[in-house]
Structures are given as structure tokens and as C-alpha cells.
Amino acid sequence: MRKPFILIFLFASLLSFGQKKGNSKHKEKPEEKIAPIAAVDVNDPEYNVNKRPVYPGGVGEMFKFINKNIQKPDTIMKGGDGKVFLWFNVAEDGSISNIKVIKEIPGCKACNDEAIRLVKLMPKWEPALEHGRPVKTDYNFPVSFHPPLTNH
């Protein structure tokens, strides 16, 4: 019987602390006026803070470009496969520079060379944007190599 009484007493005490008293010694602060939130167009470059660089026309166009221009090395043509991971800079004007292989297909140096050649052939990208302004950024890019499909 004693426990429920203590719980009710604690609960009532907590509620009384949140009550507003008319003759309080503390003066209340005047209400601060908050400006209404304006509607923001999320497509407005001024508010687009972290836009990554993009191949012109998007990912679909990039895949078309790769499929049209890739030259598969002999190692791949004989049944090997894998991914070469590249790292490069996309400058403020969309140009690509400082291309480096960060992960290769073991035993296929020709795959590294082909991946670099392919990226060097690419047109300028749409640069990254920060606060609506073009900025230089790093980009990691995988190039997949698979043997040609055979019809049986």
C-alpha cells in the first residue's frame, strides 16, 4: 500500500513543477518573433549544397559511352573478369585529371591501362557544386570487365 502512495506523490510533485504560477518572482521573457519559413526551390543551385559531379546526360549515357568505347584486353576475352577502381579529380570546369588506379584486377595490367584510357576519352563532366558554385572534387570510379557473352 505504501508503494502506490509514494508513486502517486512523486507523479503529482513532478506535475506541479510544470505549472505556471501567477505571482512568480521570475519575469517571463517576451515572446520572440520567428520569421516564417520561405518556400525553397530545391532545384535552385543557390541551395544545392552537395551535388556530386555527373557524367553529361547521367549514368545511362555514361554506360552507353563505356559500352561503345571499351576495348577488352586478352585476359578478359579468355574468360577473366573483375573491376578496376580508379580515383580522379573533376575540376570546376568538369575536366578530369590525376587519374590513379586504386584497386586492380590481379594479373591484368592491360585492364588498368584500358580503364585509364576510357576515362581520358570521356567528355567534361558536370562539376560538383557547393552552395551553387562549381568546386574541384575527387571521384572514385569502378570499371567492370567481363568476358563477352557466348550464345550456346
Protein backbone atom coordinates (compact mmCIF):
# COMPACT_ATOMS: atom_id res chain seq x y z
CA MET A 1 0.00 0.00 0.00
CA ARG A 2 2.87 2.32 0.73
CA LYS A 3 4.48 1.96 -2.78
CA PRO A 4 1.44 3.17 -4.79
CA PHE A 5 1.12 6.18 -2.45
CA ILE A 6 4.79 7.12 -3.00
CA LEU A 7 4.44 6.78 -6.79
CA ILE A 8 1.30 8.95 -6.81
CA PHE A 9 3.03 11.54 -4.63
CA LEU A 10 6.10 11.63 -6.95
CA PHE A 11 3.92 11.93 -10.03
CA ALA A 12 1.88 14.79 -8.51
CA SER A 13 5.09 16.56 -7.46
CA LEU A 14 6.51 16.39 -10.97
CA LEU A 15 3.31 17.82 -12.43
CA SER A 16 3.36 20.76 -10.06
CA PHE A 17 6.82 21.85 -11.25
CA GLY A 18 5.46 22.40 -14.75
CA GLN A 19 2.57 24.61 -13.59
CA LYS A 20 2.63 28.33 -14.26
CA LYS A 21 2.22 30.42 -11.11
CA GLY A 22 0.58 33.85 -11.28
CA ASN A 23 2.69 35.52 -8.61
CA SER A 24 6.07 34.17 -9.69
CA LYS A 25 9.14 36.19 -8.81
CA HIS A 26 10.62 35.46 -12.24
CA LYS A 27 9.62 37.68 -15.09
CA GLU A 28 8.73 35.89 -18.28
CA LYS A 29 10.66 36.71 -21.39
CA PRO A 30 8.66 38.41 -24.11
CA GLU A 31 7.80 36.12 -26.98
CA GLU A 32 10.44 36.05 -29.67
CA LYS A 33 9.08 36.52 -33.12
CA ILE A 34 10.28 33.94 -35.59
CA ALA A 35 10.27 34.75 -39.26
CA PRO A 36 8.14 32.41 -41.35
CA ILE A 37 9.98 29.80 -43.36
CA ALA A 38 10.05 30.74 -47.01
CA ALA A 39 9.46 28.13 -49.65
CA VAL A 40 12.76 26.99 -51.14
CA ASP A 41 13.12 25.61 -54.63
CA VAL A 42 15.40 22.60 -54.06
CA ASN A 43 16.44 22.76 -57.72
CA ASP A 44 17.78 26.29 -57.26
CA PRO A 45 21.60 26.00 -57.45
CA GLU A 46 21.93 28.55 -54.66
CA TYR A 47 20.57 25.97 -52.21
CA ASN A 48 22.11 22.84 -53.77
CA VAL A 49 24.96 22.36 -51.33
CA ASN A 50 26.47 18.95 -52.01
CA LYS A 51 25.92 17.99 -55.63
CA ARG A 52 28.37 15.34 -56.82
CA PRO A 53 29.91 15.56 -60.30
CA VAL A 54 27.85 13.89 -63.02
CA TYR A 55 28.69 12.47 -66.44
CA PRO A 56 26.90 14.60 -69.07
CA GLY A 57 23.45 13.15 -69.58
CA GLY A 58 23.62 10.97 -66.45
CA VAL A 59 24.50 7.39 -65.65
CA GLY A 60 22.65 5.91 -68.63
CA GLU A 61 24.68 7.99 -71.08
CA MET A 62 27.88 7.04 -69.27
CA PHE A 63 27.09 3.32 -69.66
CA LYS A 64 26.43 3.86 -73.38
CA PHE A 65 29.79 5.63 -73.69
CA ILE A 66 31.64 2.84 -71.86
CA ASN A 67 29.99 0.05 -73.87
CA LYS A 68 30.75 1.84 -77.14
CA ASN A 69 34.40 2.62 -76.32
CA ILE A 70 35.72 -0.17 -74.10
CA GLN A 71 38.35 -2.45 -75.60
CA LYS A 72 38.54 -5.67 -73.60
CA PRO A 73 42.08 -6.95 -73.02
CA ASP A 74 43.02 -10.54 -73.99
CA THR A 75 42.92 -11.66 -70.35
CA ILE A 76 39.23 -10.72 -70.22
CA MET A 77 38.47 -12.14 -73.65
CA LYS A 78 39.82 -15.51 -72.43
CA GLY A 79 37.36 -15.65 -69.52
CA GLY A 80 38.81 -13.42 -66.81
CA ASP A 81 36.77 -10.73 -65.16
CA GLY A 82 36.81 -8.15 -62.39
CA LYS A 83 36.78 -4.44 -61.61
CA VAL A 84 39.44 -1.77 -61.78
CA PHE A 85 38.80 1.06 -59.33
CA LEU A 86 40.04 4.48 -60.36
CA TRP A 87 40.36 7.72 -58.42
CA PHE A 88 40.46 11.07 -60.20
CA ASN A 89 39.72 14.77 -59.84
CA VAL A 90 36.82 16.52 -61.53
CA ALA A 91 37.76 20.20 -61.82
CA GLU A 92 35.49 23.23 -61.60
CA ASP A 93 35.16 23.21 -65.39
CA GLY A 94 34.31 19.47 -65.46
CA SER A 95 37.67 18.31 -66.81
CA ILE A 96 39.17 15.10 -65.44
CA SER A 97 42.76 14.91 -64.14
CA ASN A 98 45.08 12.96 -61.82
CA ILE A 99 43.69 9.54 -62.74
CA LYS A 100 45.07 6.79 -60.49
CA VAL A 101 44.36 3.07 -60.12
CA ILE A 102 43.41 2.34 -56.51
CA LYS A 103 42.45 -1.33 -57.00
CA GLU A 104 43.39 -3.51 -59.92
CA ILE A 105 42.50 -6.88 -61.34
CA PRO A 106 45.41 -9.13 -60.36
CA GLY A 107 47.42 -10.21 -63.39
CA CYS A 108 45.73 -7.79 -65.78
CA LYS A 109 47.82 -4.63 -66.15
CA ALA A 110 46.15 -4.17 -69.53
CA CYS A 111 42.83 -3.74 -67.65
CA ASN A 112 44.33 -0.86 -65.63
CA ASP A 113 45.58 0.78 -68.80
CA GLU A 114 42.23 0.34 -70.56
CA ALA A 115 40.28 1.79 -67.63
CA ILE A 116 42.53 4.87 -67.60
CA ARG A 117 42.28 5.22 -71.40
CA LEU A 118 38.49 5.02 -71.19
CA VAL A 119 38.24 7.78 -68.55
CA LYS A 120 40.64 10.00 -70.51
CA LEU A 121 38.30 9.70 -73.52
CA MET A 122 35.28 10.95 -71.56
CA PRO A 123 33.90 14.42 -72.25
CA LYS A 124 33.90 17.04 -69.49
CA TRP A 125 31.56 16.19 -66.63
CA GLU A 126 29.10 18.47 -64.89
CA PRO A 127 31.22 19.59 -61.90
CA ALA A 128 30.37 19.20 -58.24
CA LEU A 129 28.53 22.15 -56.72
CA GLU A 130 28.83 23.66 -53.29
CA HIS A 131 26.38 26.47 -52.50
CA GLY A 132 25.61 26.62 -56.20
CA ARG A 133 29.24 27.17 -57.25
CA PRO A 134 31.41 24.65 -59.12
CA VAL A 135 34.16 23.08 -56.99
CA LYS A 136 37.01 20.65 -57.64
CA THR A 137 36.32 17.22 -56.14
CA ASP A 138 37.63 13.67 -56.01
CA TYR A 139 35.75 10.82 -57.61
CA ASN A 140 36.04 7.02 -57.24
CA PHE A 141 35.06 5.15 -60.35
CA PRO A 142 34.82 1.39 -60.98
CA VAL A 143 35.32 -0.04 -64.46
CA SER A 144 33.98 -3.58 -64.80
CA PHE A 145 35.49 -6.10 -67.18
CA HIS A 146 33.57 -9.21 -68.18
CA PRO A 147 34.19 -11.74 -70.95
CA PRO A 148 31.87 -11.50 -73.94
CA LEU A 149 28.63 -13.43 -73.66
CA THR A 150 28.56 -16.58 -75.74
CA ASN A 151 25.35 -17.94 -77.26
CA HIS A 152 25.01 -21.70 -76.93
